[in-house]
Every structure is written in structure tokens, then in C-alpha cells.
């Protein structure tokens, strides 16, 4: 398991009255190249409200380079940013 706290660019879809649904995200590596990952399935969404600010944690998995990768995407509503938080291998 690797713990990351890396900000990522996310393409998401929003429906009225529901949290945004991530569809793809782009991760930047230290060597400068980018990789776009499609969110294949969202297993669970948890709502977390520290200090009164709603945040969402998405437990997802995707097929990347012929492997299934489980990971967490976190959406911080107040800051309007996404982070790739944890990758399970």
C-alpha cells in the first residue's frame, strides 16, 4: 500500500442533490509525464464533515496497465479540489 496525498485534476459529473461523481483523473509524475486514469467503478462514497465543512471520500477501482488498482479519491468541497489519497496494491 502506498499513501499519497497528491492533488489531481478530475473530470466529474454533478447531479442535483448528489455529490459529484468522478469519471477520470489525470496524475502528474515527478519525471514530468501525465497519465489519465478512468474511474471504472465507485464502490462506496463516505461523507466526512470536519469542522462543519462537507468532504467526500470515494473508494474506487480501475484497471491500469492490465492490473486492478484500488484507491481513494477525496473531494474537498470548501477548497473545490480533488486528491488521490491512497493506492492499494
N, C-alpha and C. Protein backbone atom coordinates (compact mmCIF):
# COMPACT_ATOMS: atom_id res chain seq x y z
N UNK A 1 0.84 -1.18 0.00
CA UNK A 1 0.00 0.00 0.00
C UNK A 1 0.88 1.24 0.00
N UNK A 2 0.52 2.18 -0.83
CA UNK A 2 1.22 3.46 -0.85
C UNK A 2 0.26 4.55 -0.42
N UNK A 3 0.72 5.44 0.41
CA UNK A 3 -0.10 6.57 0.82
C UNK A 3 0.40 7.78 0.06
N UNK A 4 -0.48 8.35 -0.72
CA UNK A 4 -0.19 9.56 -1.47
C UNK A 4 -1.10 10.65 -0.94
N UNK A 5 -0.71 11.83 -1.06
CA UNK A 5 -1.61 12.95 -0.85
C UNK A 5 -1.31 13.92 -1.96
N UNK A 6 -1.67 13.52 -3.15
CA UNK A 6 -1.32 14.27 -4.34
C UNK A 6 -2.57 14.87 -4.97
N UNK A 7 -2.52 16.16 -5.23
CA UNK A 7 -3.63 16.82 -5.89
C UNK A 7 -3.69 16.35 -7.34
N UNK A 8 -4.91 16.05 -7.82
CA UNK A 8 -5.09 15.58 -9.18
C UNK A 8 -6.19 16.38 -9.86
N UNK A 9 -6.13 16.44 -11.19
CA UNK A 9 -7.18 17.05 -11.98
C UNK A 9 -8.23 15.98 -12.26
N UNK A 10 -9.50 16.29 -11.98
CA UNK A 10 -10.57 15.30 -12.10
C UNK A 10 -11.66 15.82 -13.01
N UNK A 11 -12.15 14.94 -13.88
CA UNK A 11 -13.34 15.20 -14.67
C UNK A 11 -14.48 14.52 -13.91
N UNK A 12 -15.47 15.29 -13.48
CA UNK A 12 -16.57 14.72 -12.70
C UNK A 12 -17.90 15.18 -13.27
N UNK A 13 -18.95 14.45 -12.88
CA UNK A 13 -20.31 14.76 -13.28
C UNK A 13 -21.09 15.07 -12.00
N UNK A 14 -21.89 16.13 -12.05
CA UNK A 14 -22.69 16.51 -10.88
C UNK A 14 -24.18 16.40 -11.19
N UNK A 15 -24.90 15.84 -10.25
CA UNK A 15 -26.35 15.74 -10.34
C UNK A 15 -26.93 16.51 -9.17
N UNK A 16 -28.10 17.11 -9.36
CA UNK A 16 -28.72 17.91 -8.32
C UNK A 16 -28.97 17.06 -7.08
N UNK A 17 -28.52 17.56 -5.93
CA UNK A 17 -28.75 16.90 -4.66
C UNK A 17 -27.83 15.73 -4.36
N UNK A 18 -26.85 15.45 -5.21
CA UNK A 18 -25.92 14.34 -5.00
C UNK A 18 -24.49 14.83 -5.08
N UNK A 19 -23.56 14.13 -4.44
CA UNK A 19 -22.15 14.54 -4.54
C UNK A 19 -21.64 14.32 -5.96
N UNK A 20 -20.62 15.06 -6.37
CA UNK A 20 -20.07 14.88 -7.72
C UNK A 20 -19.53 13.46 -7.90
N UNK A 21 -19.65 12.94 -9.12
CA UNK A 21 -19.18 11.59 -9.43
C UNK A 21 -17.94 11.69 -10.31
N UNK A 22 -16.78 11.25 -9.81
CA UNK A 22 -15.56 11.32 -10.64
C UNK A 22 -15.63 10.32 -11.79
N UNK A 23 -15.17 10.73 -12.97
CA UNK A 23 -15.15 9.85 -14.15
C UNK A 23 -13.73 9.54 -14.60
N UNK A 24 -12.84 10.54 -14.56
CA UNK A 24 -11.44 10.37 -14.96
C UNK A 24 -10.60 11.30 -14.12
N UNK A 25 -9.34 10.94 -13.95
CA UNK A 25 -8.42 11.88 -13.32
C UNK A 25 -7.06 11.78 -13.99
N UNK A 26 -6.33 12.87 -13.90
CA UNK A 26 -5.01 12.96 -14.51
C UNK A 26 -4.00 13.15 -13.40
N UNK A 27 -3.00 12.28 -13.40
CA UNK A 27 -1.96 12.36 -12.38
C UNK A 27 -0.65 12.77 -13.06
N UNK A 28 0.09 13.65 -12.39
CA UNK A 28 1.38 14.12 -12.90
C UNK A 28 2.48 13.43 -12.10
N UNK A 29 3.41 12.83 -12.80
CA UNK A 29 4.53 12.16 -12.14
C UNK A 29 5.70 13.12 -12.00
N UNK A 30 6.63 12.77 -11.13
CA UNK A 30 7.79 13.65 -10.88
C UNK A 30 8.65 13.85 -12.11
N UNK A 31 8.70 12.84 -12.98
CA UNK A 31 9.53 12.98 -14.18
C UNK A 31 8.86 13.81 -15.26
N UNK A 32 7.65 14.33 -14.99
CA UNK A 32 7.01 15.26 -15.90
C UNK A 32 5.92 14.70 -16.77
N UNK A 33 5.79 13.38 -16.88
CA UNK A 33 4.73 12.87 -17.76
C UNK A 33 3.42 12.74 -16.99
N UNK A 34 2.31 12.72 -17.76
CA UNK A 34 0.96 12.65 -17.21
C UNK A 34 0.35 11.31 -17.57
N UNK A 35 -0.59 10.86 -16.76
CA UNK A 35 -1.36 9.65 -17.06
C UNK A 35 -2.82 9.94 -16.73
N UNK A 36 -3.70 9.60 -17.66
CA UNK A 36 -5.14 9.74 -17.43
C UNK A 36 -5.70 8.37 -17.06
N UNK A 37 -6.42 8.32 -15.94
CA UNK A 37 -7.00 7.07 -15.44
C UNK A 37 -8.51 7.22 -15.43
N UNK A 38 -9.21 6.26 -16.01
CA UNK A 38 -10.66 6.24 -15.99
C UNK A 38 -11.12 5.55 -14.72
N UNK A 39 -12.07 6.15 -14.01
CA UNK A 39 -12.64 5.55 -12.81
C UNK A 39 -13.62 4.49 -13.28
N UNK A 40 -13.25 3.22 -13.14
CA UNK A 40 -14.10 2.14 -13.63
C UNK A 40 -15.31 1.92 -12.73
N UNK A 41 -15.11 1.93 -11.42
CA UNK A 41 -16.24 1.73 -10.52
C UNK A 41 -15.99 2.42 -9.19
N UNK A 42 -17.05 3.03 -8.67
CA UNK A 42 -17.02 3.61 -7.33
C UNK A 42 -17.72 2.62 -6.41
N UNK A 43 -16.96 2.07 -5.46
CA UNK A 43 -17.52 1.05 -4.57
C UNK A 43 -18.35 1.67 -3.45
N UNK A 44 -17.90 2.82 -2.95
CA UNK A 44 -18.56 3.44 -1.81
C UNK A 44 -18.20 4.91 -1.76
N UNK A 45 -19.11 5.73 -1.27
CA UNK A 45 -18.85 7.16 -1.05
C UNK A 45 -19.18 7.47 0.40
N UNK A 46 -18.23 8.03 1.11
CA UNK A 46 -18.45 8.44 2.50
C UNK A 46 -18.44 9.96 2.57
N UNK A 47 -19.34 10.50 3.38
CA UNK A 47 -19.38 11.93 3.61
C UNK A 47 -18.72 12.21 4.95
N UNK A 48 -17.74 13.08 4.96
CA UNK A 48 -16.99 13.43 6.16
C UNK A 48 -17.16 14.93 6.37
N UNK A 49 -17.45 15.35 7.60
CA UNK A 49 -17.66 16.77 7.84
C UNK A 49 -16.77 17.28 8.98
N UNK A 50 -15.46 17.43 8.73
CA UNK A 50 -14.61 18.01 9.77
C UNK A 50 -14.81 19.52 9.85
N UNK A 51 -14.98 20.02 11.04
CA UNK A 51 -15.14 21.46 11.29
C UNK A 51 -16.30 22.06 10.49
N UNK A 52 -17.33 21.27 10.23
CA UNK A 52 -18.51 21.79 9.56
C UNK A 52 -18.42 21.89 8.05
N UNK A 53 -17.29 21.52 7.46
CA UNK A 53 -17.14 21.57 6.01
C UNK A 53 -17.34 20.18 5.43
N UNK A 54 -18.31 20.00 4.53
CA UNK A 54 -18.52 18.67 3.96
C UNK A 54 -17.41 18.29 3.00
N UNK A 55 -16.95 17.06 3.12
CA UNK A 55 -15.97 16.47 2.21
C UNK A 55 -16.47 15.09 1.83
N UNK A 56 -16.00 14.57 0.72
CA UNK A 56 -16.41 13.25 0.27
C UNK A 56 -15.20 12.38 0.00
N UNK A 57 -15.29 11.11 0.40
CA UNK A 57 -14.24 10.13 0.15
C UNK A 57 -14.83 9.06 -0.75
N UNK A 58 -14.21 8.85 -1.90
CA UNK A 58 -14.66 7.87 -2.88
C UNK A 58 -13.70 6.68 -2.87
N UNK A 59 -14.22 5.49 -2.64
CA UNK A 59 -13.43 4.27 -2.69
C UNK A 59 -13.68 3.67 -4.07
N UNK A 60 -12.65 3.65 -4.91
CA UNK A 60 -12.80 3.31 -6.32
C UNK A 60 -11.83 2.22 -6.73
N UNK A 61 -12.06 1.69 -7.93
CA UNK A 61 -11.05 0.86 -8.55
C UNK A 61 -11.06 1.06 -10.05
N UNK A 62 -9.91 0.81 -10.65
CA UNK A 62 -9.71 0.98 -12.09
C UNK A 62 -8.74 -0.07 -12.58
N UNK A 63 -8.84 -0.36 -13.86
CA UNK A 63 -7.85 -1.24 -14.50
C UNK A 63 -6.79 -0.34 -15.13
N UNK A 64 -5.56 -0.50 -14.66
CA UNK A 64 -4.44 0.31 -15.14
C UNK A 64 -3.31 -0.64 -15.52
N UNK A 65 -2.90 -0.59 -16.77
CA UNK A 65 -1.82 -1.45 -17.27
C UNK A 65 -2.09 -2.93 -16.96
N UNK A 66 -3.31 -3.38 -17.24
CA UNK A 66 -3.73 -4.78 -17.05
C UNK A 66 -3.71 -5.22 -15.59
N UNK A 67 -3.84 -4.29 -14.65
CA UNK A 67 -3.94 -4.59 -13.22
C UNK A 67 -5.11 -3.83 -12.65
N UNK A 68 -5.76 -4.42 -11.64
CA UNK A 68 -6.84 -3.73 -10.93
C UNK A 68 -6.21 -2.99 -9.74
N UNK A 69 -6.46 -1.69 -9.68
CA UNK A 69 -5.91 -0.84 -8.64
C UNK A 69 -7.07 -0.27 -7.81
N UNK A 70 -7.03 -0.46 -6.49
CA UNK A 70 -7.99 0.16 -5.58
C UNK A 70 -7.36 1.45 -5.05
N UNK A 71 -8.18 2.48 -4.90
CA UNK A 71 -7.65 3.76 -4.44
C UNK A 71 -8.77 4.60 -3.85
N UNK A 72 -8.38 5.67 -3.18
CA UNK A 72 -9.32 6.65 -2.63
C UNK A 72 -9.12 7.98 -3.33
N UNK A 73 -10.21 8.58 -3.73
CA UNK A 73 -10.22 9.96 -4.20
C UNK A 73 -10.97 10.77 -3.16
N UNK A 74 -10.43 11.90 -2.79
CA UNK A 74 -11.09 12.76 -1.81
C UNK A 74 -11.42 14.09 -2.47
N UNK A 75 -12.65 14.54 -2.21
CA UNK A 75 -13.10 15.84 -2.72
C UNK A 75 -13.34 16.76 -1.55
N UNK A 76 -12.65 17.90 -1.55
CA UNK A 76 -12.78 18.91 -0.51
C UNK A 76 -13.67 20.02 -1.05
N UNK A 77 -14.90 20.05 -0.56
CA UNK A 77 -15.92 20.95 -1.10
C UNK A 77 -15.51 22.41 -0.92
N UNK A 78 -15.07 22.76 0.27
CA UNK A 78 -14.75 24.16 0.57
C UNK A 78 -13.61 24.68 -0.31
N UNK A 79 -12.59 23.86 -0.56
CA UNK A 79 -11.46 24.26 -1.40
C UNK A 79 -11.68 23.94 -2.88
N UNK A 80 -12.72 23.15 -3.18
CA UNK A 80 -13.02 22.71 -4.55
C UNK A 80 -11.80 22.04 -5.18
N UNK A 81 -11.23 21.05 -4.47
CA UNK A 81 -10.07 20.34 -5.00
C UNK A 81 -10.22 18.84 -4.75
N UNK A 82 -9.53 18.07 -5.58
CA UNK A 82 -9.51 16.62 -5.50
C UNK A 82 -8.10 16.16 -5.16
N UNK A 83 -8.01 15.08 -4.35
CA UNK A 83 -6.72 14.47 -4.05
C UNK A 83 -6.83 12.96 -4.23
N UNK A 84 -5.78 12.40 -4.80
CA UNK A 84 -5.61 10.95 -4.81
C UNK A 84 -4.93 10.64 -3.50
N UNK A 85 -5.62 9.90 -2.63
CA UNK A 85 -5.11 9.79 -1.27
C UNK A 85 -4.39 8.48 -1.01
N UNK A 86 -4.93 7.37 -1.46
CA UNK A 86 -4.33 6.10 -1.08
C UNK A 86 -4.49 5.13 -2.23
N UNK A 87 -3.42 4.40 -2.50
CA UNK A 87 -3.45 3.37 -3.55
C UNK A 87 -3.13 2.05 -2.89
N UNK A 88 -4.02 1.08 -3.07
CA UNK A 88 -3.83 -0.25 -2.51
C UNK A 88 -3.30 -1.17 -3.63
N UNK A 89 -2.23 -1.89 -3.36
CA UNK A 89 -1.69 -2.78 -4.36
C UNK A 89 -1.57 -4.17 -3.81
